[in-house]
Amino acid sequence: MDDRRKRLLYLSQHRGMKETDLLMGRFAQKNLETMNDVELNDLELILEEGDNDLLSWIMEHTEPPERVNTLVLKMIIDFRKSL
């Protein structure tokens, strides 16, 4: 795994809230290796968001803003639904 993916894996697993740590960490473990540069950029953008907002979007309680409403967020939501 290259350094960028290692960093994103770490950031995904150490969010601050246990729920997002587990969900994002598992998503990253499963998908990072196959993600392209655009998807990695989108994941970096999503990881900059706060845990409460991120969890609300992933659980589909609120609509995400356009800046993070990307294919990667949809992938994360689909991943959560598959658990």
PDB file of N, CA and C in Angstrom:
ATOM      1  N   MET A   1       0.853  -1.175   0.000  1.00  0.00           N
ATOM      2  CA  MET A   1       0.000   0.000   0.000  1.00  0.00           C
ATOM      3  C   MET A   1       0.897   1.235   0.000  1.00  0.00           C
ATOM      4  N   ASP A   2       0.596   2.182  -0.870  1.00  0.00           N
ATOM      5  CA  ASP A   2       1.420   3.394  -0.932  1.00  0.00           C
ATOM      6  C   ASP A   2       1.126   4.304   0.263  1.00  0.00           C
ATOM      7  N   ASP A   3       1.972   5.314   0.446  1.00  0.00           N
ATOM      8  CA  ASP A   3       1.879   6.189   1.620  1.00  0.00           C
ATOM      9  C   ASP A   3       0.544   6.923   1.698  1.00  0.00           C
ATOM     10  N   ARG A   4       0.025   7.364   0.560  1.00  0.00           N
ATOM     11  CA  ARG A   4      -1.246   8.085   0.552  1.00  0.00           C
ATOM     12  C   ARG A   4      -2.363   7.180   1.074  1.00  0.00           C
ATOM     13  N   ARG A   5      -2.429   5.981   0.589  1.00  0.00           N
ATOM     14  CA  ARG A   5      -3.465   5.047   1.023  1.00  0.00           C
ATOM     15  C   ARG A   5      -3.290   4.675   2.502  1.00  0.00           C
ATOM     16  N   LYS A   6      -2.057   4.527   2.954  1.00  0.00           N
ATOM     17  CA  LYS A   6      -1.808   4.246   4.370  1.00  0.00           C
ATOM     18  C   LYS A   6      -2.322   5.388   5.239  1.00  0.00           C
ATOM     19  N   ARG A   7      -2.062   6.609   4.794  1.00  0.00           N
ATOM     20  CA  ARG A   7      -2.529   7.784   5.551  1.00  0.00           C
ATOM     21  C   ARG A   7      -4.054   7.822   5.592  1.00  0.00           C
ATOM     22  N   LEU A   8      -4.696   7.557   4.451  1.00  0.00           N
ATOM     23  CA  LEU A   8      -6.152   7.568   4.405  1.00  0.00           C
ATOM     24  C   LEU A   8      -6.750   6.445   5.251  1.00  0.00           C
ATOM     25  N   LEU A   9      -6.104   5.299   5.273  1.00  0.00           N
ATOM     26  CA  LEU A   9      -6.564   4.204   6.124  1.00  0.00           C
ATOM     27  C   LEU A   9      -6.497   4.621   7.590  1.00  0.00           C
ATOM     28  N   TYR A  10      -5.378   5.206   7.985  1.00  0.00           N
ATOM     29  CA  TYR A  10      -5.222   5.655   9.363  1.00  0.00           C
ATOM     30  C   TYR A  10      -6.292   6.687   9.714  1.00  0.00           C
ATOM     31  N   LEU A  11      -6.472   7.684   8.854  1.00  0.00           N
ATOM     32  CA  LEU A  11      -7.469   8.723   9.118  1.00  0.00           C
ATOM     33  C   LEU A  11      -8.880   8.149   9.176  1.00  0.00           C
ATOM     34  N   SER A  12      -9.150   7.143   8.375  1.00  0.00           N
ATOM     35  CA  SER A  12     -10.464   6.505   8.370  1.00  0.00           C
ATOM     36  C   SER A  12     -10.714   5.731   9.657  1.00  0.00           C
ATOM     37  N   GLN A  13      -9.680   5.145  10.218  1.00  0.00           N
ATOM     38  CA  GLN A  13      -9.817   4.322  11.418  1.00  0.00           C
ATOM     39  C   GLN A  13      -9.736   5.119  12.714  1.00  0.00           C
ATOM     40  N   HIS A  14      -9.281   6.352  12.642  1.00  0.00           N
ATOM     41  CA  HIS A  14      -9.088   7.175  13.845  1.00  0.00           C
ATOM     42  C   HIS A  14      -9.821   8.504  13.697  1.00  0.00           C
ATOM     43  N   ARG A  15     -11.132   8.420  13.625  1.00  0.00           N
ATOM     44  CA  ARG A  15     -11.972   9.581  13.400  1.00  0.00           C
ATOM     45  C   ARG A  15     -12.262  10.333  14.690  1.00  0.00           C
ATOM     46  N   GLY A  16     -12.479   9.598  15.766  1.00  0.00           N
ATOM     47  CA  GLY A  16     -12.828  10.239  17.023  1.00  0.00           C
ATOM     48  C   GLY A  16     -14.094   9.662  17.630  1.00  0.00           C
ATOM     49  N   MET A  17     -15.031   9.254  16.796  1.00  0.00           N
ATOM     50  CA  MET A  17     -16.246   8.591  17.250  1.00  0.00           C
ATOM     51  C   MET A  17     -16.153   7.119  16.875  1.00  0.00           C
ATOM     52  N   LYS A  18     -16.446   6.254  17.823  1.00  0.00           N
ATOM     53  CA  LYS A  18     -16.288   4.824  17.578  1.00  0.00           C
ATOM     54  C   LYS A  18     -17.085   4.359  16.358  1.00  0.00           C
ATOM     55  N   GLU A  19     -18.305   4.863  16.194  1.00  0.00           N
ATOM     56  CA  GLU A  19     -19.148   4.445  15.079  1.00  0.00           C
ATOM     57  C   GLU A  19     -18.499   4.773  13.733  1.00  0.00           C
ATOM     58  N   THR A  20     -17.985   5.986  13.610  1.00  0.00           N
ATOM     59  CA  THR A  20     -17.359   6.364  12.339  1.00  0.00           C
ATOM     60  C   THR A  20     -15.999   5.695  12.175  1.00  0.00           C
ATOM     61  N   ASP A  21     -15.278   5.483  13.288  1.00  0.00           N
ATOM     62  CA  ASP A  21     -14.012   4.743  13.204  1.00  0.00           C
ATOM     63  C   ASP A  21     -14.241   3.370  12.577  1.00  0.00           C
ATOM     64  N   LEU A  22     -15.236   2.653  13.076  1.00  0.00           N
ATOM     65  CA  LEU A  22     -15.507   1.305  12.591  1.00  0.00           C
ATOM     66  C   LEU A  22     -16.008   1.311  11.152  1.00  0.00           C
ATOM     67  N   LEU A  23     -16.967   2.150  10.858  1.00  0.00           N
ATOM     68  CA  LEU A  23     -17.558   2.183   9.528  1.00  0.00           C
ATOM     69  C   LEU A  23     -16.556   2.646   8.477  1.00  0.00           C
ATOM     70  N   MET A  24     -15.927   3.769   8.726  1.00  0.00           N
ATOM     71  CA  MET A  24     -14.978   4.308   7.751  1.00  0.00           C
ATOM     72  C   MET A  24     -13.735   3.443   7.643  1.00  0.00           C
ATOM     73  N   GLY A  25     -13.288   2.902   8.782  1.00  0.00           N
ATOM     74  CA  GLY A  25     -12.120   2.026   8.766  1.00  0.00           C
ATOM     75  C   GLY A  25     -12.354   0.769   7.950  1.00  0.00           C
ATOM     76  N   ARG A  26     -13.510   0.160   8.147  1.00  0.00           N
ATOM     77  CA  ARG A  26     -13.836  -1.047   7.372  1.00  0.00           C
ATOM     78  C   ARG A  26     -13.994  -0.733   5.893  1.00  0.00           C
ATOM     79  N   PHE A  27     -14.637   0.394   5.596  1.00  0.00           N
ATOM     80  CA  PHE A  27     -14.787   0.804   4.203  1.00  0.00           C
ATOM     81  C   PHE A  27     -13.415   0.984   3.556  1.00  0.00           C
ATOM     82  N   ALA A  28     -12.535   1.681   4.254  1.00  0.00           N
ATOM     83  CA  ALA A  28     -11.196   1.948   3.710  1.00  0.00           C
ATOM     84  C   ALA A  28     -10.420   0.647   3.505  1.00  0.00           C
ATOM     85  N   GLN A  29     -10.472  -0.240   4.481  1.00  0.00           N
ATOM     86  CA  GLN A  29      -9.758  -1.518   4.351  1.00  0.00           C
ATOM     87  C   GLN A  29     -10.219  -2.283   3.115  1.00  0.00           C
ATOM     88  N   LYS A  30     -11.494  -2.232   2.844  1.00  0.00           N
ATOM     89  CA  LYS A  30     -12.047  -2.999   1.729  1.00  0.00           C
ATOM     90  C   LYS A  30     -11.795  -2.332   0.374  1.00  0.00           C
ATOM     91  N   ASN A  31     -11.753  -0.991   0.324  1.00  0.00           N
ATOM     92  CA  ASN A  31     -11.800  -0.301  -0.957  1.00  0.00           C
ATOM     93  C   ASN A  31     -10.566   0.493  -1.370  1.00  0.00           C
ATOM     94  N   LEU A  32      -9.704   0.847  -0.437  1.00  0.00           N
ATOM     95  CA  LEU A  32      -8.593   1.747  -0.776  1.00  0.00           C
ATOM     96  C   LEU A  32      -7.716   1.237  -1.913  1.00  0.00           C
ATOM     97  N   GLU A  33      -7.413  -0.024  -1.915  1.00  0.00           N
ATOM     98  CA  GLU A  33      -6.491  -0.570  -2.917  1.00  0.00           C
ATOM     99  C   GLU A  33      -6.990  -0.395  -4.350  1.00  0.00           C
ATOM    100  N   THR A  34      -8.299  -0.373  -4.541  1.00  0.00           N
ATOM    101  CA  THR A  34      -8.852  -0.299  -5.892  1.00  0.00           C
ATOM    102  C   THR A  34      -9.329   1.095  -6.276  1.00  0.00           C
ATOM    103  N   MET A  35      -9.225   2.045  -5.371  1.00  0.00           N
ATOM    104  CA  MET A  35      -9.704   3.400  -5.661  1.00  0.00           C
ATOM    105  C   MET A  35      -8.705   4.150  -6.541  1.00  0.00           C
ATOM    106  N   ASN A  36      -9.246   4.918  -7.499  1.00  0.00           N
ATOM    107  CA  ASN A  36      -8.399   5.735  -8.372  1.00  0.00           C
ATOM    108  C   ASN A  36      -8.128   7.093  -7.709  1.00  0.00           C
ATOM    109  N   ASP A  37      -7.338   7.933  -8.363  1.00  0.00           N
ATOM    110  CA  ASP A  37      -6.942   9.221  -7.778  1.00  0.00           C
ATOM    111  C   ASP A  37      -8.129  10.137  -7.502  1.00  0.00           C
ATOM    112  N   VAL A  38      -9.101  10.163  -8.388  1.00  0.00           N
ATOM    113  CA  VAL A  38     -10.278  11.013  -8.179  1.00  0.00           C
ATOM    114  C   VAL A  38     -11.036  10.535  -6.947  1.00  0.00           C
ATOM    115  N   GLU A  39     -11.208   9.239  -6.807  1.00  0.00           N
ATOM    116  CA  GLU A  39     -11.902   8.687  -5.646  1.00  0.00           C
ATOM    117  C   GLU A  39     -11.114   8.939  -4.363  1.00  0.00           C
ATOM    118  N   LEU A  40      -9.801   8.836  -4.431  1.00  0.00           N
ATOM    119  CA  LEU A  40      -8.979   9.131  -3.248  1.00  0.00           C
ATOM    120  C   LEU A  40      -9.109  10.599  -2.858  1.00  0.00           C
ATOM    121  N   ASN A  41      -9.147  11.492  -3.849  1.00  0.00           N
ATOM    122  CA  ASN A  41      -9.347  12.916  -3.567  1.00  0.00           C
ATOM    123  C   ASN A  41     -10.689  13.140  -2.869  1.00  0.00           C
ATOM    124  N   ASP A  42     -11.732  12.471  -3.375  1.00  0.00           N
ATOM    125  CA  ASP A  42     -13.057  12.602  -2.768  1.00  0.00           C
ATOM    126  C   ASP A  42     -13.062  12.058  -1.343  1.00  0.00           C
ATOM    127  N   LEU A  43     -12.390  10.942  -1.114  1.00  0.00           N
ATOM    128  CA  LEU A  43     -12.319  10.394   0.242  1.00  0.00           C
ATOM    129  C   LEU A  43     -11.601  11.358   1.179  1.00  0.00           C
ATOM    130  N   GLU A  44     -10.523  11.975   0.718  1.00  0.00           N
ATOM    131  CA  GLU A  44      -9.817  12.963   1.534  1.00  0.00           C
ATOM    132  C   GLU A  44     -10.743  14.108   1.914  1.00  0.00           C
ATOM    133  N   LEU A  45     -11.542  14.564   0.964  1.00  0.00           N
ATOM    134  CA  LEU A  45     -12.489  15.648   1.216  1.00  0.00           C
ATOM    135  C   LEU A  45     -13.528  15.224   2.253  1.00  0.00           C
ATOM    136  N   ILE A  46     -14.044  14.024   2.113  1.00  0.00           N
ATOM    137  CA  ILE A  46     -15.039  13.508   3.053  1.00  0.00           C
ATOM    138  C   ILE A  46     -14.446  13.372   4.451  1.00  0.00           C
ATOM    139  N   LEU A  47     -13.211  12.934   4.542  1.00  0.00           N
ATOM    140  CA  LEU A  47     -12.577  12.727   5.853  1.00  0.00           C
ATOM    141  C   LEU A  47     -12.290  14.037   6.578  1.00  0.00           C
ATOM    142  N   GLU A  48     -12.355  15.147   5.880  1.00  0.00           N
ATOM    143  CA  GLU A  48     -12.172  16.451   6.518  1.00  0.00           C
ATOM    144  C   GLU A  48     -13.417  16.899   7.275  1.00  0.00           C
ATOM    145  N   GLU A  49     -14.530  16.244   7.024  1.00  0.00           N
ATOM    146  CA  GLU A  49     -15.795  16.627   7.651  1.00  0.00           C
ATOM    147  C   GLU A  49     -15.883  16.092   9.075  1.00  0.00           C
ATOM    148  N   GLY A  50     -16.723  16.706   9.874  1.00  0.00           N
ATOM    149  CA  GLY A  50     -16.925  16.286  11.252  1.00  0.00           C
ATOM    150  C   GLY A  50     -17.680  14.966  11.336  1.00  0.00           C
ATOM    151  N   ASP A  51     -17.423  14.235  12.405  1.00  0.00           N
ATOM    152  CA  ASP A  51     -18.038  12.918  12.579  1.00  0.00           C
ATOM    153  C   ASP A  51     -19.561  12.974  12.610  1.00  0.00           C
ATOM    154  N   ASN A  52     -20.123  13.933  13.323  1.00  0.00           N
ATOM    155  CA  ASN A  52     -21.580  13.997  13.427  1.00  0.00           C
ATOM    156  C   ASN A  52     -22.228  14.206  12.071  1.00  0.00           C
ATOM    157  N   ASP A  53     -21.688  15.121  11.287  1.00  0.00           N
ATOM    158  CA  ASP A  53     -22.225  15.356   9.946  1.00  0.00           C
ATOM    159  C   ASP A  53     -22.039  14.124   9.070  1.00  0.00           C
ATOM    160  N   LEU A  54     -20.850  13.578   9.092  1.00  0.00           N
ATOM    161  CA  LEU A  54     -20.538  12.422   8.259  1.00  0.00           C
ATOM    162  C   LEU A  54     -21.467  11.252   8.580  1.00  0.00           C
ATOM    163  N   LEU A  55     -21.654  10.960   9.832  1.00  0.00           N
ATOM    164  CA  LEU A  55     -22.526   9.856  10.223  1.00  0.00           C
ATOM    165  C   LEU A  55     -23.972  10.126   9.812  1.00  0.00           C
ATOM    166  N   SER A  56     -24.404  11.359   9.942  1.00  0.00           N
ATOM    167  CA  SER A  56     -25.759  11.721   9.540  1.00  0.00           C
ATOM    168  C   SER A  56     -25.977  11.500   8.047  1.00  0.00           C
ATOM    169  N   TRP A  57     -24.972  11.822   7.240  1.00  0.00           N
ATOM    170  CA  TRP A  57     -25.087  11.615   5.787  1.00  0.00           C
ATOM    171  C   TRP A  57     -25.048  10.132   5.446  1.00  0.00           C
ATOM    172  N   ILE A  58     -24.153   9.407   6.093  1.00  0.00           N
ATOM    173  CA  ILE A  58     -24.010   7.978   5.802  1.00  0.00           C
ATOM    174  C   ILE A  58     -25.266   7.207   6.211  1.00  0.00           C
ATOM    175  N   MET A  59     -25.871   7.606   7.314  1.00  0.00           N
ATOM    176  CA  MET A  59     -27.093   6.950   7.780  1.00  0.00           C
ATOM    177  C   MET A  59     -28.320   7.473   7.028  1.00  0.00           C
ATOM    178  N   GLU A  60     -28.109   8.460   6.167  1.00  0.00           N
ATOM    179  CA  GLU A  60     -29.153   9.073   5.343  1.00  0.00           C
ATOM    180  C   GLU A  60     -30.224   9.776   6.174  1.00  0.00           C
ATOM    181  N   HIS A  61     -29.777  10.377   7.272  1.00  0.00           N
ATOM    182  CA  HIS A  61     -30.678  11.183   8.089  1.00  0.00           C
ATOM    183  C   HIS A  61     -30.785  12.595   7.537  1.00  0.00           C
ATOM    184  N   THR A  62     -29.701  13.079   6.934  1.00  0.00           N
ATOM    185  CA  THR A  62     -29.701  14.406   6.308  1.00  0.00           C
ATOM    186  C   THR A  62     -29.021  14.325   4.948  1.00  0.00           C
ATOM    187  N   GLU A  63     -29.333  15.284   4.114  1.00  0.00           N
ATOM    188  CA  GLU A  63     -28.715  15.363   2.788  1.00  0.00           C
ATOM    189  C   GLU A  63     -27.322  15.980   2.913  1.00  0.00           C
ATOM    190  N   PRO A  64     -26.339  15.394   2.258  1.00  0.00           N
ATOM    191  CA  PRO A  64     -24.994  15.984   2.294  1.00  0.00           C
ATOM    192  C   PRO A  64     -24.918  17.217   1.397  1.00  0.00           C
ATOM    193  N   PRO A  65     -24.049  18.153   1.718  1.00  0.00           N
ATOM    194  CA  PRO A  65     -23.842  19.288   0.821  1.00  0.00           C
ATOM    195  C   PRO A  65     -23.182  18.829  -0.484  1.00  0.00           C
ATOM    196  N   GLU A  66     -23.342  19.600  -1.519  1.00  0.00           N
ATOM    197  CA  GLU A  66     -22.822  19.237  -2.846  1.00  0.00           C
ATOM    198  C   GLU A  66     -21.329  18.933  -2.834  1.00  0.00           C
ATOM    199  N   ARG A  67     -20.563  19.635  -2.008  1.00  0.00           N
ATOM    200  CA  ARG A  67     -19.105  19.469  -2.018  1.00  0.00           C
ATOM    201  C   ARG A  67     -18.666  18.049  -1.646  1.00  0.00           C
ATOM    202  N   VAL A  68     -19.488  17.337  -0.886  1.00  0.00           N
ATOM    203  CA  VAL A  68     -19.131  15.978  -0.490  1.00  0.00           C
ATOM    204  C   VAL A  68     -20.073  14.923  -1.056  1.00  0.00           C
ATOM    205  N   ASN A  69     -21.076  15.351  -1.783  1.00  0.00           N
ATOM    206  CA  ASN A  69     -22.051  14.416  -2.352  1.00  0.00           C
ATOM    207  C   ASN A  69     -21.452  13.798  -3.619  1.00  0.00           C
ATOM    208  N   THR A  70     -20.521  12.893  -3.418  1.00  0.00           N
ATOM    209  CA  THR A  70     -19.733  12.309  -4.504  1.00  0.00           C
ATOM    210  C   THR A  70     -20.029  10.818  -4.640  1.00  0.00           C
ATOM    211  N   LEU A  71     -19.462  10.228  -5.659  1.00  0.00           N
ATOM    212  CA  LEU A  71     -19.579   8.784  -5.846  1.00  0.00           C
ATOM    213  C   LEU A  71     -19.018   8.037  -4.635  1.00  0.00           C
ATOM    214  N   VAL A  72     -17.963   8.557  -4.052  1.00  0.00           N
ATOM    215  CA  VAL A  72     -17.359   7.882  -2.887  1.00  0.00           C
ATOM    216  C   VAL A  72     -18.315   7.887  -1.699  1.00  0.00           C
ATOM    217  N   LEU A  73     -19.006   8.991  -1.464  1.00  0.00           N
ATOM    218  CA  LEU A  73     -19.985   9.005  -0.380  1.00  0.00           C
ATOM    219  C   LEU A  73     -21.089   7.993  -0.662  1.00  0.00           C
ATOM    220  N   LYS A  74     -21.514   7.903  -1.891  1.00  0.00           N
ATOM    221  CA  LYS A  74     -22.516   6.890  -2.263  1.00  0.00           C
ATOM    222  C   LYS A  74     -21.960   5.474  -2.042  1.00  0.00           C
ATOM    223  N   MET A  75     -20.681   5.281  -2.322  1.00  0.00           N
ATOM    224  CA  MET A  75     -20.049   3.980  -2.068  1.00  0.00           C
ATOM    225  C   MET A  75     -20.051   3.661  -0.570  1.00  0.00           C
ATOM    226  N   ILE A  76     -19.789   4.665   0.248  1.00  0.00           N
ATOM    227  CA  ILE A  76     -19.774   4.473   1.699  1.00  0.00           C
ATOM    228  C   ILE A  76     -21.176   4.132   2.196  1.00  0.00           C
ATOM    229  N   ILE A  77     -22.176   4.835   1.677  1.00  0.00           N
ATOM    230  CA  ILE A  77     -23.566   4.562   2.067  1.00  0.00           C
ATOM    231  C   ILE A  77     -23.953   3.141   1.662  1.00  0.00           C
ATOM    232  N   ASP A  78     -23.608   2.745   0.452  1.00  0.00           N
ATOM    233  CA  ASP A  78     -23.907   1.378  -0.004  1.00  0.00           C
ATOM    234  C   ASP A  78     -23.169   0.345   0.845  1.00  0.00           C
ATOM    235  N   PHE A  79     -21.928   0.655   1.224  1.00  0.00           N
ATOM    236  CA  PHE A  79     -21.165  -0.229   2.084  1.00  0.00           C
ATOM    237  C   PHE A  79     -21.869  -0.415   3.427  1.00  0.00           C
ATOM    238  N   ARG A  80     -22.326   0.694   4.000  1.00  0.00           N
ATOM    239  CA  ARG A  80     -23.040   0.633   5.283  1.00  0.00           C
ATOM    240  C   ARG A  80     -24.297  -0.222   5.153  1.00  0.00           C
ATOM    241  N   LYS A  81     -24.999  -0.097   4.056  1.00  0.00           N
ATOM    242  CA  LYS A  81     -26.224  -0.876   3.851  1.00  0.00           C
ATOM    243  C   LYS A  81     -25.924  -2.371   3.716  1.00  0.00           C
ATOM    244  N   SER A  82     -24.738  -2.704   3.258  1.00  0.00           N
ATOM    245  CA  SER A  82     -24.383  -4.113   3.056  1.00  0.00           C
ATOM    246  C   SER A  82     -23.940  -4.814   4.337  1.00  0.00           C
ATOM    247  N   LEU A  83     -23.718  -4.045   5.394  1.00  0.00           N
ATOM    248  CA  LEU A  83     -23.255  -4.636   6.660  1.00  0.00           C
ATOM    249  C   LEU A  83     -24.373  -5.360   7.394  1.00  0.00           C
TER     250      LEU A  83
END
